[in-house]
PDB file of all heavy atoms in Angstrom:
ATOM      1  N   VAL A   1     102.008 171.426  98.623  1.00  0.00           N
ATOM      2  CA  VAL A   1     101.067 171.281  97.501  1.00  0.00           C
ATOM      3  C   VAL A   1     100.805 169.798  97.240  1.00  0.00           C
ATOM      4  O   VAL A   1     101.748 169.007  97.079  1.00  0.00           O
ATOM      5  CB  VAL A   1     101.619 171.960  96.233  1.00  0.00           C
ATOM      6  CG1 VAL A   1     100.669 171.792  95.071  1.00  0.00           C
ATOM      7  CG2 VAL A   1     101.886 173.433  96.479  1.00  0.00           C
ATOM      8  N   TRP A   2      99.535 169.435  97.209  1.00  0.00           N
ATOM      9  CA  TRP A   2      99.124 168.062  96.980  1.00  0.00           C
ATOM     10  C   TRP A   2      98.155 168.039  95.769  1.00  0.00           C
ATOM     11  O   TRP A   2      97.530 169.044  95.442  1.00  0.00           O
ATOM     12  CB  TRP A   2      98.381 167.506  98.209  1.00  0.00           C
ATOM     13  CG  TRP A   2      99.198 167.537  99.466  1.00  0.00           C
ATOM     14  CD1 TRP A   2      99.391 168.594 100.301  1.00  0.00           C
ATOM     15  CD2 TRP A   2      99.917 166.434 100.047  1.00  0.00           C
ATOM     16  NE1 TRP A   2     100.197 168.230 101.362  1.00  0.00           N
ATOM     17  CE2 TRP A   2     100.525 166.921 101.244  1.00  0.00           C
ATOM     18  CE3 TRP A   2     100.104 165.096  99.686  1.00  0.00           C
ATOM     19  CZ2 TRP A   2     101.301 166.120 102.051  1.00  0.00           C
ATOM     20  CZ3 TRP A   2     100.868 164.287 100.519  1.00  0.00           C
ATOM     21  CH2 TRP A   2     101.464 164.809 101.668  1.00  0.00           C
ATOM     22  N   THR A   3      98.045 166.876  95.148  1.00  0.00           N
ATOM     23  CA  THR A   3      97.125 166.745  94.013  1.00  0.00           C
ATOM     24  C   THR A   3      96.245 165.502  94.202  1.00  0.00           C
ATOM     25  O   THR A   3      96.610 164.552  94.905  1.00  0.00           O
ATOM     26  CB  THR A   3      97.881 166.599  92.665  1.00  0.00           C
ATOM     27  OG1 THR A   3      98.731 165.453  92.707  1.00  0.00           O
ATOM     28  CG2 THR A   3      98.707 167.859  92.385  1.00  0.00           C
ATOM     29  N   LEU A   4      95.093 165.537  93.561  1.00  0.00           N
ATOM     30  CA  LEU A   4      94.195 164.383  93.498  1.00  0.00           C
ATOM     31  C   LEU A   4      93.457 164.428  92.184  1.00  0.00           C
ATOM     32  O   LEU A   4      93.215 165.491  91.625  1.00  0.00           O
ATOM     33  CB  LEU A   4      93.231 164.368  94.677  1.00  0.00           C
ATOM     34  CG  LEU A   4      92.228 165.525  94.805  1.00  0.00           C
ATOM     35  CD1 LEU A   4      90.887 165.161  94.170  1.00  0.00           C
ATOM     36  CD2 LEU A   4      92.025 165.914  96.258  1.00  0.00           C
ATOM     37  N   SER A   5      93.133 163.256  91.688  1.00  0.00           N
ATOM     38  CA  SER A   5      92.395 163.146  90.425  1.00  0.00           C
ATOM     39  C   SER A   5      90.936 162.851  90.708  1.00  0.00           C
ATOM     40  O   SER A   5      90.615 162.040  91.589  1.00  0.00           O
ATOM     41  CB  SER A   5      92.995 162.060  89.534  1.00  0.00           C
ATOM     42  OG  SER A   5      94.312 162.381  89.154  1.00  0.00           O
ATOM     43  N   ALA A   6      90.047 163.500  89.974  1.00  0.00           N
ATOM     44  CA  ALA A   6      88.606 163.298  90.152  1.00  0.00           C
ATOM     45  C   ALA A   6      87.895 163.420  88.823  1.00  0.00           C
ATOM     46  O   ALA A   6      88.380 164.064  87.879  1.00  0.00           O
ATOM     47  CB  ALA A   6      88.038 164.277  91.163  1.00  0.00           C
ATOM     48  N   GLU A   7      86.717 162.792  88.762  1.00  0.00           N
ATOM     49  CA  GLU A   7      85.864 162.845  87.592  1.00  0.00           C
ATOM     50  C   GLU A   7      84.652 163.744  87.865  1.00  0.00           C
ATOM     51  O   GLU A   7      84.293 163.976  89.042  1.00  0.00           O
ATOM     52  CB  GLU A   7      85.397 161.450  87.183  1.00  0.00           C
ATOM     53  CG  GLU A   7      86.508 160.472  86.886  1.00  0.00           C
ATOM     54  CD  GLU A   7      87.301 160.846  85.641  1.00  0.00           C
ATOM     55  OE1 GLU A   7      86.696 161.397  84.707  1.00  0.00           O
ATOM     56  OE2 GLU A   7      88.519 160.587  85.615  1.00  0.00           O
ATOM     57  N   VAL A   8      84.021 164.227  86.816  1.00  0.00           N
ATOM     58  CA  VAL A   8      82.815 165.041  86.976  1.00  0.00           C
ATOM     59  C   VAL A   8      81.792 164.298  87.856  1.00  0.00           C
ATOM     60  O   VAL A   8      81.507 163.131  87.621  1.00  0.00           O
ATOM     61  CB  VAL A   8      82.203 165.380  85.611  1.00  0.00           C
ATOM     62  CG1 VAL A   8      80.833 166.040  85.789  1.00  0.00           C
ATOM     63  CG2 VAL A   8      83.111 166.293  84.814  1.00  0.00           C
ATOM     64  N   GLY A   9      81.283 164.980  88.875  1.00  0.00           N
ATOM     65  CA  GLY A   9      80.277 164.408  89.744  1.00  0.00           C
ATOM     66  C   GLY A   9      80.857 163.865  91.054  1.00  0.00           C
ATOM     67  O   GLY A   9      80.107 163.672  92.016  1.00  0.00           O
ATOM     68  N   ASP A  10      82.162 163.608  91.089  1.00  0.00           N
ATOM     69  CA  ASP A  10      82.772 163.108  92.328  1.00  0.00           C
ATOM     70  C   ASP A  10      82.659 164.155  93.443  1.00  0.00           C
ATOM     71  O   ASP A  10      82.796 165.352  93.205  1.00  0.00           O
ATOM     72  CB  ASP A  10      84.265 162.792  92.121  1.00  0.00           C
ATOM     73  CG  ASP A  10      84.477 161.528  91.297  1.00  0.00           C
ATOM     74  OD1 ASP A  10      83.506 160.794  91.061  1.00  0.00           O
ATOM     75  OD2 ASP A  10      85.640 161.308  90.894  1.00  0.00           O
ATOM     76  N   ASN A  11      82.431 163.684  94.653  1.00  0.00           N
ATOM     77  CA  ASN A  11      82.433 164.553  95.822  1.00  0.00           C
ATOM     78  C   ASN A  11      83.781 164.377  96.537  1.00  0.00           C
ATOM     79  O   ASN A  11      84.205 163.247  96.777  1.00  0.00           O
ATOM     80  CB  ASN A  11      81.281 164.214  96.760  1.00  0.00           C
ATOM     81  CG  ASN A  11      80.423 165.439  97.060  1.00  0.00           C
ATOM     82  OD1 ASN A  11      80.938 166.485  97.445  1.00  0.00           O
ATOM     83  ND2 ASN A  11      79.118 165.317  96.869  1.00  0.00           N
ATOM     84  N   ILE A  12      84.424 165.470  96.901  1.00  0.00           N
ATOM     85  CA  ILE A  12      85.763 165.455  97.469  1.00  0.00           C
ATOM     86  C   ILE A  12      85.704 166.096  98.846  1.00  0.00           C
ATOM     87  O   ILE A  12      85.132 167.176  99.012  1.00  0.00           O
ATOM     88  CB  ILE A  12      86.750 166.220  96.589  1.00  0.00           C
ATOM     89  CG1 ILE A  12      86.762 165.660  95.154  1.00  0.00           C
ATOM     90  CG2 ILE A  12      88.152 166.206  97.193  1.00  0.00           C
ATOM     91  CD1 ILE A  12      87.383 166.615  94.143  1.00  0.00           C
ATOM     92  N   VAL A  13      86.334 165.468  99.838  1.00  0.00           N
ATOM     93  CA  VAL A  13      86.469 166.031 101.171  1.00  0.00           C
ATOM     94  C   VAL A  13      87.936 165.940 101.576  1.00  0.00           C
ATOM     95  O   VAL A  13      88.513 164.845 101.542  1.00  0.00           O
ATOM     96  CB  VAL A  13      85.615 165.292 102.227  1.00  0.00           C
ATOM     97  CG1 VAL A  13      85.776 165.957 103.603  1.00  0.00           C
ATOM     98  CG2 VAL A  13      84.153 165.258 101.809  1.00  0.00           C
ATOM     99  N   VAL A  14      88.557 167.061 101.927  1.00  0.00           N
ATOM    100  CA  VAL A  14      89.961 167.055 102.370  1.00  0.00           C
ATOM    101  C   VAL A  14      90.029 167.808 103.711  1.00  0.00           C
ATOM    102  O   VAL A  14      89.531 168.923 103.825  1.00  0.00           O
ATOM    103  CB  VAL A  14      90.898 167.727 101.348  1.00  0.00           C
ATOM    104  CG1 VAL A  14      92.363 167.481 101.733  1.00  0.00           C
ATOM    105  CG2 VAL A  14      90.646 167.226  99.932  1.00  0.00           C
ATOM    106  N   ARG A  15      90.683 167.198 104.682  1.00  0.00           N
ATOM    107  CA  ARG A  15      90.722 167.775 106.030  1.00  0.00           C
ATOM    108  C   ARG A  15      92.162 167.779 106.546  1.00  0.00           C
ATOM    109  O   ARG A  15      92.922 166.827 106.309  1.00  0.00           O
ATOM    110  CB  ARG A  15      89.832 166.945 106.967  1.00  0.00           C
ATOM    111  CG  ARG A  15      89.638 167.550 108.365  1.00  0.00           C
ATOM    112  CD  ARG A  15      88.485 166.831 109.059  1.00  0.00           C
ATOM    113  NE  ARG A  15      88.313 167.235 110.431  1.00  0.00           N
ATOM    114  CZ  ARG A  15      87.659 168.339 110.829  1.00  0.00           C
ATOM    115  NH1 ARG A  15      87.136 169.132 109.911  1.00  0.00           N
ATOM    116  NH2 ARG A  15      87.528 168.622 112.109  1.00  0.00           N
ATOM    117  N   VAL A  16      92.534 168.837 107.226  1.00  0.00           N
ATOM    118  CA  VAL A  16      93.886 168.975 107.783  1.00  0.00           C
ATOM    119  C   VAL A  16      93.764 169.327 109.265  1.00  0.00           C
ATOM    120  O   VAL A  16      92.837 170.015 109.683  1.00  0.00           O
ATOM    121  CB  VAL A  16      94.696 170.066 107.025  1.00  0.00           C
ATOM    122  CG1 VAL A  16      94.039 171.418 107.152  1.00  0.00           C
ATOM    123  CG2 VAL A  16      96.140 170.106 107.501  1.00  0.00           C
ATOM    124  N   GLY A  17      94.726 168.821 110.071  1.00  0.00           N
ATOM    125  CA  GLY A  17      94.705 169.128 111.492  1.00  0.00           C
ATOM    126  C   GLY A  17      96.089 169.076 112.094  1.00  0.00           C
ATOM    127  O   GLY A  17      96.986 168.436 111.552  1.00  0.00           O
ATOM    128  N   ASP A  18      96.270 169.795 113.193  1.00  0.00           N
ATOM    129  CA  ASP A  18      97.567 169.806 113.880  1.00  0.00           C
ATOM    130  C   ASP A  18      97.985 168.401 114.278  1.00  0.00           C
ATOM    131  O   ASP A  18      97.169 167.596 114.754  1.00  0.00           O
ATOM    132  CB  ASP A  18      97.492 170.661 115.149  1.00  0.00           C
ATOM    133  CG  ASP A  18      97.424 172.153 114.856  1.00  0.00           C
ATOM    134  OD1 ASP A  18      97.763 172.543 113.718  1.00  0.00           O
ATOM    135  OD2 ASP A  18      97.037 172.913 115.730  1.00  0.00           O
ATOM    136  N   GLY A  19      99.281 168.136 114.136  1.00  0.00           N
ATOM    137  CA  GLY A  19      99.836 166.864 114.566  1.00  0.00           C
ATOM    138  C   GLY A  19     100.384 166.980 115.984  1.00  0.00           C
ATOM    139  O   GLY A  19     100.257 168.023 116.641  1.00  0.00           O
ATOM    140  N   PRO A  20     101.013 165.914 116.472  1.00  0.00           N
ATOM    141  CA  PRO A  20     101.549 165.929 117.837  1.00  0.00           C
ATOM    142  C   PRO A  20     102.814 166.789 117.949  1.00  0.00           C
ATOM    143  O   PRO A  20     103.430 167.150 116.953  1.00  0.00           O
ATOM    144  CB  PRO A  20     101.855 164.457 118.081  1.00  0.00           C
ATOM    145  CG  PRO A  20     102.133 163.883 116.720  1.00  0.00           C
ATOM    146  CD  PRO A  20     101.223 164.631 115.806  1.00  0.00           C
ATOM    147  N   GLY A  21     103.201 167.073 119.173  1.00  0.00           N
ATOM    148  CA  GLY A  21     104.446 167.800 119.411  1.00  0.00           C
ATOM    149  C   GLY A  21     104.236 169.309 119.409  1.00  0.00           C
ATOM    150  O   GLY A  21     103.124 169.813 119.283  1.00  0.00           O
ATOM    151  N   ALA A  22     105.351 170.029 119.564  1.00  0.00           N
ATOM    152  CA  ALA A  22     105.309 171.499 119.549  1.00  0.00           C
ATOM    153  C   ALA A  22     104.727 171.988 118.232  1.00  0.00           C
ATOM    154  O   ALA A  22     105.174 171.578 117.162  1.00  0.00           O
ATOM    155  CB  ALA A  22     106.701 172.072 119.773  1.00  0.00           C
ATOM    156  N   ASN A  23     103.724 172.866 118.310  1.00  0.00           N
ATOM    157  CA  ASN A  23     103.001 173.245 117.105  1.00  0.00           C
ATOM    158  C   ASN A  23     102.432 174.632 117.243  1.00  0.00           C
ATOM    159  O   ASN A  23     101.653 174.906 118.150  1.00  0.00           O
ATOM    160  CB  ASN A  23     101.876 172.226 116.844  1.00  0.00           C
ATOM    161  CG  ASN A  23     101.470 172.163 115.388  1.00  0.00           C
ATOM    162  OD1 ASN A  23     101.364 173.186 114.732  1.00  0.00           O
ATOM    163  ND2 ASN A  23     101.268 170.961 114.886  1.00  0.00           N
ATOM    164  N   THR A  24     102.807 175.537 116.333  1.00  0.00           N
ATOM    165  CA  THR A  24     102.211 176.879 116.313  1.00  0.00           C
ATOM    166  C   THR A  24     101.427 177.091 115.029  1.00  0.00           C
ATOM    167  O   THR A  24     101.020 178.210 114.714  1.00  0.00           O
ATOM    168  CB  THR A  24     103.303 177.960 116.408  1.00  0.00           C
ATOM    169  OG1 THR A  24     104.255 177.789 115.316  1.00  0.00           O
ATOM    170  CG2 THR A  24     104.062 177.835 117.722  1.00  0.00           C
ATOM    171  N   LEU A  25     101.196 176.010 114.300  1.00  0.00           N
ATOM    172  CA  LEU A  25     100.504 176.059 113.008  1.00  0.00           C
ATOM    173  C   LEU A  25      99.018 176.369 113.180  1.00  0.00           C
ATOM    174  O   LEU A  25      98.350 175.779 114.024  1.00  0.00           O
ATOM    175  CB  LEU A  25     100.687 174.712 112.304  1.00  0.00           C
ATOM    176  CG  LEU A  25     100.214 174.591 110.837  1.00  0.00           C
ATOM    177  CD1 LEU A  25     101.117 175.400 109.932  1.00  0.00           C
ATOM    178  CD2 LEU A  25     100.221 173.117 110.444  1.00  0.00           C
ATOM    179  N   ILE A  26      98.503 177.297 112.390  1.00  0.00           N
ATOM    180  CA  ILE A  26      97.061 177.528 112.244  1.00  0.00           C
ATOM    181  C   ILE A  26      96.706 176.924 110.885  1.00  0.00           C
ATOM    182  O   ILE A  26      96.944 177.523 109.833  1.00  0.00           O
ATOM    183  CB  ILE A  26      96.708 179.019 112.267  1.00  0.00           C
ATOM    184  CG1 ILE A  26      97.166 179.677 113.551  1.00  0.00           C
ATOM    185  CG2 ILE A  26      95.211 179.208 112.066  1.00  0.00           C
ATOM    186  CD1 ILE A  26      96.495 179.168 114.797  1.00  0.00           C
ATOM    187  N   PRO A  27      96.194 175.701 110.847  1.00  0.00           N
ATOM    188  CA  PRO A  27      95.988 174.981 109.582  1.00  0.00           C
ATOM    189  C   PRO A  27      95.102 175.752 108.594  1.00  0.00           C
ATOM    190  O   PRO A  27      94.044 176.254 108.965  1.00  0.00           O
ATOM    191  CB  PRO A  27      95.312 173.698 109.994  1.00  0.00           C
ATOM    192  CG  PRO A  27      95.685 173.512 111.425  1.00  0.00           C
ATOM    193  CD  PRO A  27      95.749 174.870 112.001  1.00  0.00           C
ATOM    194  N   TRP A  28      95.595 175.897 107.377  1.00  0.00           N
ATOM    195  CA  TRP A  28      94.904 176.578 106.293  1.00  0.00           C
ATOM    196  C   TRP A  28      94.934 175.698 105.072  1.00  0.00           C
ATOM    197  O   TRP A  28      96.003 175.248 104.645  1.00  0.00           O
ATOM    198  CB  TRP A  28      95.575 177.925 106.030  1.00  0.00           C
ATOM    199  CG  TRP A  28      94.923 178.795 105.000  1.00  0.00           C
ATOM    200  CD1 TRP A  28      93.652 178.729 104.540  1.00  0.00           C
ATOM    201  CD2 TRP A  28      95.531 179.889 104.297  1.00  0.00           C
ATOM    202  NE1 TRP A  28      93.398 179.700 103.603  1.00  0.00           N
ATOM    203  CE2 TRP A  28      94.552 180.455 103.449  1.00  0.00           C
ATOM    204  CE3 TRP A  28      96.800 180.462 104.317  1.00  0.00           C
ATOM    205  CZ2 TRP A  28      94.793 181.521 102.600  1.00  0.00           C
ATOM    206  CZ3 TRP A  28      97.052 181.553 103.486  1.00  0.00           C
ATOM    207  CH2 TRP A  28      96.056 182.074 102.644  1.00  0.00           C
ATOM    208  N   ILE A  29      93.762 175.416 104.505  1.00  0.00           N
ATOM    209  CA  ILE A  29      93.689 174.520 103.364  1.00  0.00           C
ATOM    210  C   ILE A  29      92.847 175.130 102.259  1.00  0.00           C
ATOM    211  O   ILE A  29      91.812 175.763 102.527  1.00  0.00           O
ATOM    212  CB  ILE A  29      93.134 173.137 103.773  1.00  0.00           C
ATOM    213  CG1 ILE A  29      93.203 172.140 102.612  1.00  0.00           C
ATOM    214  CG2 ILE A  29      91.745 173.224 104.380  1.00  0.00           C
ATOM    215  CD1 ILE A  29      92.937 170.704 103.032  1.00  0.00           C
ATOM    216  N   ARG A  30      93.317 174.975 101.021  1.00  0.00           N
ATOM    217  CA  ARG A  30      92.604 175.481  99.839  1.00  0.00           C
ATOM    218  C   ARG A  30      92.570 174.396  98.765  1.00  0.00           C
ATOM    219  O   ARG A  30      93.529 173.611  98.660  1.00  0.00           O
ATOM    220  CB  ARG A  30      93.291 176.746  99.293  1.00  0.00           C
ATOM    221  CG  ARG A  30      93.095 177.981 100.142  1.00  0.00           C
ATOM    222  CD  ARG A  30      94.060 179.101  99.751  1.00  0.00           C
ATOM    223  NE  ARG A  30      95.405 178.872 100.233  1.00  0.00           N
ATOM    224  CZ  ARG A  30      96.416 179.709 100.054  1.00  0.00           C
ATOM    225  NH1 ARG A  30      96.234 180.813  99.368  1.00  0.00           N
ATOM    226  NH2 ARG A  30      97.632 179.424 100.535  1.00  0.00           N
ATOM    227  N   ILE A  31      91.507 174.361  97.989  1.00  0.00           N
ATOM    228  CA  ILE A  31      91.406 173.409  96.889  1.00  0.00           C
ATOM    229  C   ILE A  31      91.052 174.161  95.599  1.00  0.00           C
ATOM    230  O   ILE A  31      90.164 175.030  95.593  1.00  0.00           O
ATOM    231  CB  ILE A  31      90.393 172.285  97.179  1.00  0.00           C
ATOM    232  CG1 ILE A  31      90.374 171.258  96.047  1.00  0.00           C
ATOM    233  CG2 ILE A  31      88.981 172.833  97.451  1.00  0.00           C
ATOM    234  CD1 ILE A  31      89.618 169.976  96.388  1.00  0.00           C
ATOM    235  N   PHE A  32      91.800 173.833  94.540  1.00  0.00           N
ATOM    236  CA  PHE A  32      91.631 174.476  93.254  1.00  0.00           C
ATOM    237  C   PHE A  32      91.209 173.438  92.195  1.00  0.00           C
ATOM    238  O   PHE A  32      91.654 172.300  92.216  1.00  0.00           O
ATOM    239  CB  PHE A  32      92.955 175.119  92.790  1.00  0.00           C
ATOM    240  CG  PHE A  32      93.460 176.221  93.678  1.00  0.00           C
ATOM    241  CD1 PHE A  32      94.192 175.949  94.810  1.00  0.00           C
ATOM    242  CD2 PHE A  32      93.180 177.553  93.377  1.00  0.00           C
ATOM    243  CE1 PHE A  32      94.663 176.975  95.639  1.00  0.00           C
ATOM    244  CE2 PHE A  32      93.645 178.580  94.192  1.00  0.00           C
ATOM    245  CZ  PHE A  32      94.382 178.287  95.305  1.00  0.00           C
ATOM    246  N   SER A  33      90.331 173.869  91.286  1.00  0.00           N
ATOM    247  CA  SER A  33      89.845 172.988  90.220  1.00  0.00           C
ATOM    248  C   SER A  33      90.938 172.771  89.169  1.00  0.00           C
ATOM    249  O   SER A  33      91.954 173.470  89.159  1.00  0.00           O
ATOM    250  CB  SER A  33      88.612 173.608  89.563  1.00  0.00           C
ATOM    251  OG  SER A  33      88.985 174.666  88.714  1.00  0.00           O
ATOM    252  N   PRO A  34      90.727 171.818  88.234  1.00  0.00           N
ATOM    253  CA  PRO A  34      91.686 171.584  87.164  1.00  0.00           C
ATOM    254  C   PRO A  34      91.909 172.837  86.306  1.00  0.00           C
ATOM    255  O   PRO A  34      92.962 172.975  85.676  1.00  0.00           O
ATOM    256  CB  PRO A  34      91.048 170.464  86.348  1.00  0.00           C
ATOM    257  CG  PRO A  34      90.237 169.695  87.333  1.00  0.00           C
ATOM    258  CD  PRO A  34      89.679 170.760  88.252  1.00  0.00           C
ATOM    259  N   SER A  35      90.946 173.755  86.299  1.00  0.00           N
ATOM    260  CA  SER A  35      91.105 174.982  85.519  1.00  0.00           C
ATOM    261  C   SER A  35      91.745 176.119  86.325  1.00  0.00           C
ATOM    262  O   SER A  35      91.903 177.229  85.835  1.00  0.00           O
ATOM    263  CB  SER A  35      89.754 175.445  84.987  1.00  0.00           C
ATOM    264  OG  SER A  35      88.872 175.773  86.075  1.00  0.00           O
TER     265      SER A  35
END
């Protein structure tokens, strides 16, 4: 779980990807509003 602060009107882009090494992860990312 990660957090970021933003103001009304801000545009947000968050991206996740597999790192190096042995990896069976299927990256899944979700973003929730302050409410």
